[in-house]
Every structure is written in structure tokens, then in C-alpha cells.
Amino acid sequence: MANLAELYCILLLRSGQAAAEKERNVREYDVRICEIDDGELWPQAAKLKALWLISLADAFAAATALIMDGELVVGLDDGFDQIEGLRLVNIS
């Protein structure tokens, strides 16, 4: 699981106007946009934020990966390794 908004933000900071093209390139890989029941997502994200004192965006990313039984793609982010049951793929 990767937060597309987070990825796009990083691309904008590093690449400026080329970010849109790079984002399209990312979608050409095996990337799926998954629907998830927000009635299940937001409480899980809130619990993770409260327990691990992570940002709200990180809590939503982790909650999505846990609910979807997926792997969370991370870079230099800290704090995810403390979350029990969360599988990580580190690309840094």
C-alpha cells in the first residue's frame, strides 16, 4: 500500500512539473486503487494515531494496509515498524 497523495507530494517537491508524468508512470505498474469501508478505516486510523503517536496521514496509510492485508510501502518514515501486524516494504 502506498499513499498516492504522499507519493505525488514527494514527486512535486523533487520534480516540479514533471511530477504529473511520473505519477502516471507509477500507475502503469501493478498499482490498484482500492475501495475501503470508511466506517472501518477511520476508527482504526484513530486508534493507531493514539497508540503510536504518528501523523494522521501515516495512521490512515497504516490502517489501510492492515485492513486490506497488504504491505505498506515506506521510505525514510519512522515509527511504522512498531505497529504490530503491519508489513512494510522499505524503498529507501
N, C-alpha and C. Protein backbone atom coordinates (compact mmCIF):
# COMPACT_ATOMS: atom_id res chain seq x y z
N MET A 1 0.84 -1.16 0.00
CA MET A 1 0.00 0.00 0.00
C MET A 1 0.90 1.24 0.00
N ALA A 2 0.55 2.15 -0.80
CA ALA A 2 1.27 3.41 -0.82
C ALA A 2 0.23 4.52 -0.87
N ASN A 3 0.47 5.56 -0.17
CA ASN A 3 -0.42 6.70 -0.19
C ASN A 3 -0.06 7.53 -1.42
N LEU A 4 -0.95 7.51 -2.41
CA LEU A 4 -0.67 8.19 -3.66
C LEU A 4 -0.48 9.70 -3.46
N ALA A 5 -1.21 10.28 -2.53
CA ALA A 5 -1.05 11.71 -2.26
C ALA A 5 0.35 12.01 -1.72
N GLU A 6 0.83 11.13 -0.85
CA GLU A 6 2.18 11.30 -0.29
C GLU A 6 3.23 11.18 -1.39
N LEU A 7 3.07 10.18 -2.23
CA LEU A 7 4.00 9.98 -3.34
C LEU A 7 3.99 11.19 -4.27
N TYR A 8 2.81 11.69 -4.60
CA TYR A 8 2.71 12.83 -5.51
C TYR A 8 3.36 14.07 -4.89
N CYS A 9 3.19 14.26 -3.60
CA CYS A 9 3.82 15.39 -2.91
C CYS A 9 5.34 15.31 -3.03
N ILE A 10 5.89 14.11 -2.80
CA ILE A 10 7.34 13.93 -2.93
C ILE A 10 7.79 14.21 -4.35
N LEU A 11 7.03 13.72 -5.33
CA LEU A 11 7.37 13.96 -6.73
C LEU A 11 7.33 15.45 -7.06
N LEU A 12 6.33 16.17 -6.53
CA LEU A 12 6.25 17.61 -6.77
C LEU A 12 7.46 18.33 -6.19
N LEU A 13 7.86 17.95 -4.99
CA LEU A 13 9.00 18.60 -4.35
C LEU A 13 10.30 18.33 -5.10
N ARG A 14 10.43 17.13 -5.63
CA ARG A 14 11.67 16.76 -6.31
C ARG A 14 11.67 17.10 -7.79
N SER A 15 10.51 17.05 -8.43
CA SER A 15 10.47 17.13 -9.89
C SER A 15 9.66 18.27 -10.45
N GLY A 16 8.95 18.97 -9.60
CA GLY A 16 8.13 20.08 -10.08
C GLY A 16 7.08 19.63 -11.08
N GLN A 17 7.09 20.25 -12.25
CA GLN A 17 6.05 19.98 -13.24
C GLN A 17 6.13 18.56 -13.82
N ALA A 18 7.26 17.91 -13.71
CA ALA A 18 7.38 16.54 -14.21
C ALA A 18 6.66 15.54 -13.31
N ALA A 19 6.16 16.00 -12.17
CA ALA A 19 5.51 15.11 -11.22
C ALA A 19 4.30 14.41 -11.81
N ALA A 20 3.49 15.12 -12.58
CA ALA A 20 2.29 14.51 -13.16
C ALA A 20 2.65 13.35 -14.07
N GLU A 21 3.68 13.53 -14.87
CA GLU A 21 4.11 12.45 -15.76
C GLU A 21 4.64 11.26 -14.95
N LYS A 22 5.39 11.54 -13.91
CA LYS A 22 5.93 10.46 -13.08
C LYS A 22 4.81 9.72 -12.36
N GLU A 23 3.81 10.46 -11.92
CA GLU A 23 2.66 9.82 -11.25
C GLU A 23 1.95 8.90 -12.23
N ARG A 24 1.79 9.30 -13.46
CA ARG A 24 1.17 8.44 -14.48
C ARG A 24 2.02 7.19 -14.69
N ASN A 25 3.34 7.34 -14.68
CA ASN A 25 4.23 6.19 -14.83
C ASN A 25 4.05 5.19 -13.68
N VAL A 26 3.87 5.69 -12.48
CA VAL A 26 3.66 4.83 -11.32
C VAL A 26 2.40 4.00 -11.51
N ARG A 27 1.36 4.61 -12.04
CA ARG A 27 0.09 3.91 -12.25
C ARG A 27 0.20 2.79 -13.29
N GLU A 28 1.24 2.82 -14.11
CA GLU A 28 1.43 1.77 -15.11
C GLU A 28 1.92 0.46 -14.47
N TYR A 29 2.45 0.54 -13.26
CA TYR A 29 2.86 -0.67 -12.56
C TYR A 29 1.62 -1.33 -11.98
N ASP A 30 1.82 -2.37 -11.22
CA ASP A 30 0.69 -3.10 -10.64
C ASP A 30 0.14 -2.33 -9.44
N VAL A 31 -0.41 -1.15 -9.72
CA VAL A 31 -0.98 -0.30 -8.69
C VAL A 31 -2.49 -0.37 -8.81
N ARG A 32 -3.14 -0.63 -7.69
CA ARG A 32 -4.59 -0.69 -7.68
C ARG A 32 -5.12 0.39 -6.74
N ILE A 33 -6.20 1.01 -7.16
CA ILE A 33 -6.92 1.91 -6.28
C ILE A 33 -7.97 1.05 -5.59
N CYS A 34 -7.91 0.95 -4.28
CA CYS A 34 -8.79 0.06 -3.54
C CYS A 34 -9.85 0.86 -2.80
N GLU A 35 -11.07 0.38 -2.88
CA GLU A 35 -12.13 0.98 -2.08
C GLU A 35 -12.13 0.29 -0.72
N ILE A 36 -12.41 1.07 0.29
CA ILE A 36 -12.41 0.53 1.65
C ILE A 36 -13.55 1.18 2.41
N ASP A 37 -14.15 0.44 3.31
CA ASP A 37 -15.26 0.95 4.11
C ASP A 37 -14.73 1.99 5.09
N ASP A 38 -15.11 3.24 4.87
CA ASP A 38 -14.57 4.29 5.75
C ASP A 38 -15.08 4.15 7.18
N GLY A 39 -16.18 3.42 7.38
CA GLY A 39 -16.66 3.15 8.73
C GLY A 39 -15.73 2.24 9.50
N GLU A 40 -14.91 1.50 8.79
CA GLU A 40 -13.90 0.65 9.40
C GLU A 40 -12.55 1.36 9.44
N LEU A 41 -12.29 2.19 8.43
CA LEU A 41 -10.97 2.81 8.28
C LEU A 41 -10.70 3.89 9.33
N TRP A 42 -11.60 4.84 9.47
CA TRP A 42 -11.27 5.96 10.35
C TRP A 42 -11.11 5.55 11.82
N PRO A 43 -11.92 4.60 12.36
CA PRO A 43 -11.66 4.21 13.75
C PRO A 43 -10.30 3.52 13.93
N GLN A 44 -9.94 2.69 12.94
CA GLN A 44 -8.63 2.02 13.01
C GLN A 44 -7.50 3.05 12.95
N ALA A 45 -7.63 4.03 12.05
CA ALA A 45 -6.61 5.08 11.94
C ALA A 45 -6.50 5.88 13.24
N ALA A 46 -7.64 6.19 13.84
CA ALA A 46 -7.63 6.94 15.10
C ALA A 46 -6.93 6.15 16.21
N LYS A 47 -7.19 4.84 16.27
CA LYS A 47 -6.54 4.00 17.28
C LYS A 47 -5.03 3.98 17.08
N LEU A 48 -4.60 3.82 15.83
CA LEU A 48 -3.17 3.79 15.55
C LEU A 48 -2.51 5.12 15.90
N LYS A 49 -3.18 6.22 15.58
CA LYS A 49 -2.63 7.55 15.89
C LYS A 49 -2.48 7.72 17.40
N ALA A 50 -3.49 7.30 18.14
CA ALA A 50 -3.46 7.45 19.59
C ALA A 50 -2.41 6.53 20.24
N LEU A 51 -2.32 5.31 19.75
CA LEU A 51 -1.39 4.34 20.35
C LEU A 51 0.07 4.63 20.04
N TRP A 52 0.34 5.04 18.81
CA TRP A 52 1.72 5.14 18.36
C TRP A 52 2.19 6.58 18.12
N LEU A 53 1.31 7.55 18.35
CA LEU A 53 1.65 8.97 18.20
C LEU A 53 2.27 9.27 16.84
N ILE A 54 1.62 8.76 15.78
CA ILE A 54 2.06 9.02 14.41
C ILE A 54 1.14 10.06 13.79
N SER A 55 1.54 10.60 12.66
CA SER A 55 0.71 11.60 12.00
C SER A 55 -0.60 10.97 11.54
N LEU A 56 -1.60 11.78 11.32
CA LEU A 56 -2.89 11.27 10.86
C LEU A 56 -2.76 10.62 9.49
N ALA A 57 -1.98 11.22 8.60
CA ALA A 57 -1.77 10.63 7.27
C ALA A 57 -1.12 9.26 7.39
N ASP A 58 -0.10 9.14 8.25
CA ASP A 58 0.56 7.85 8.46
C ASP A 58 -0.41 6.84 9.07
N ALA A 59 -1.26 7.30 9.97
CA ALA A 59 -2.23 6.41 10.60
C ALA A 59 -3.21 5.86 9.57
N PHE A 60 -3.67 6.71 8.65
CA PHE A 60 -4.58 6.24 7.60
C PHE A 60 -3.88 5.27 6.65
N ALA A 61 -2.62 5.54 6.32
CA ALA A 61 -1.88 4.63 5.45
C ALA A 61 -1.70 3.28 6.12
N ALA A 62 -1.32 3.27 7.38
CA ALA A 62 -1.12 2.02 8.12
C ALA A 62 -2.43 1.27 8.29
N ALA A 63 -3.48 1.99 8.63
CA ALA A 63 -4.79 1.35 8.81
C ALA A 63 -5.27 0.71 7.51
N THR A 64 -5.06 1.38 6.40
CA THR A 64 -5.45 0.83 5.10
C THR A 64 -4.70 -0.46 4.82
N ALA A 65 -3.40 -0.47 5.05
CA ALA A 65 -2.60 -1.67 4.82
C ALA A 65 -3.06 -2.82 5.72
N LEU A 66 -3.34 -2.51 6.97
CA LEU A 66 -3.79 -3.56 7.90
C LEU A 66 -5.14 -4.12 7.48
N ILE A 67 -6.08 -3.25 7.17
CA ILE A 67 -7.43 -3.69 6.80
C ILE A 67 -7.42 -4.49 5.50
N MET A 68 -6.60 -4.04 4.54
CA MET A 68 -6.55 -4.71 3.24
C MET A 68 -5.58 -5.90 3.24
N ASP A 69 -4.95 -6.17 4.38
CA ASP A 69 -3.95 -7.23 4.50
C ASP A 69 -2.87 -7.08 3.43
N GLY A 70 -2.41 -5.84 3.29
CA GLY A 70 -1.39 -5.52 2.29
C GLY A 70 -0.09 -5.10 2.95
N GLU A 71 0.84 -4.71 2.12
CA GLU A 71 2.12 -4.20 2.58
C GLU A 71 2.14 -2.69 2.39
N LEU A 72 2.71 -1.99 3.34
CA LEU A 72 2.82 -0.55 3.27
C LEU A 72 4.20 -0.19 2.73
N VAL A 73 4.24 0.54 1.65
CA VAL A 73 5.50 0.98 1.06
C VAL A 73 5.95 2.24 1.79
N VAL A 74 7.17 2.20 2.34
CA VAL A 74 7.68 3.33 3.11
C VAL A 74 9.06 3.72 2.61
N GLY A 75 9.43 4.94 2.93
CA GLY A 75 10.76 5.43 2.61
C GLY A 75 11.52 5.65 3.89
N LEU A 76 11.76 6.91 4.21
CA LEU A 76 12.54 7.26 5.40
C LEU A 76 11.67 7.42 6.64
N ASP A 77 10.38 7.11 6.51
CA ASP A 77 9.45 7.29 7.63
C ASP A 77 9.85 6.42 8.82
N ASP A 78 9.74 7.00 9.99
CA ASP A 78 9.99 6.25 11.22
C ASP A 78 8.66 5.94 11.89
N GLY A 79 8.68 4.95 12.73
CA GLY A 79 7.52 4.69 13.56
C GLY A 79 6.63 3.56 13.08
N PHE A 80 6.69 3.22 11.81
CA PHE A 80 5.81 2.17 11.32
C PHE A 80 6.20 0.79 11.85
N ASP A 81 7.49 0.57 12.08
CA ASP A 81 7.94 -0.76 12.49
C ASP A 81 7.43 -1.16 13.87
N GLN A 82 6.92 -0.22 14.63
CA GLN A 82 6.40 -0.53 15.96
C GLN A 82 4.97 -1.05 15.92
N ILE A 83 4.29 -0.95 14.78
CA ILE A 83 2.88 -1.33 14.68
C ILE A 83 2.76 -2.82 14.41
N GLU A 84 2.21 -3.53 15.36
CA GLU A 84 2.09 -4.99 15.27
C GLU A 84 1.21 -5.40 14.10
N GLY A 85 1.70 -6.36 13.33
CA GLY A 85 0.93 -6.91 12.22
C GLY A 85 1.07 -6.15 10.92
N LEU A 86 1.73 -5.00 10.95
CA LEU A 86 1.89 -4.18 9.75
C LEU A 86 3.12 -4.66 8.98
N ARG A 87 2.90 -5.05 7.73
CA ARG A 87 4.00 -5.50 6.87
C ARG A 87 4.50 -4.31 6.06
N LEU A 88 5.82 -4.12 6.06
CA LEU A 88 6.44 -2.96 5.41
C LEU A 88 7.33 -3.37 4.26
N VAL A 89 7.37 -2.52 3.24
CA VAL A 89 8.33 -2.62 2.15
C VAL A 89 9.08 -1.31 2.14
N ASN A 90 10.36 -1.35 2.48
CA ASN A 90 11.16 -0.13 2.57
C ASN A 90 11.87 0.10 1.24
N ILE A 91 11.65 1.27 0.65
CA ILE A 91 12.26 1.58 -0.65
C ILE A 91 13.38 2.61 -0.54
N SER A 92 13.79 2.93 0.69
CA SER A 92 14.87 3.93 0.84
C SER A 92 16.22 3.28 0.81
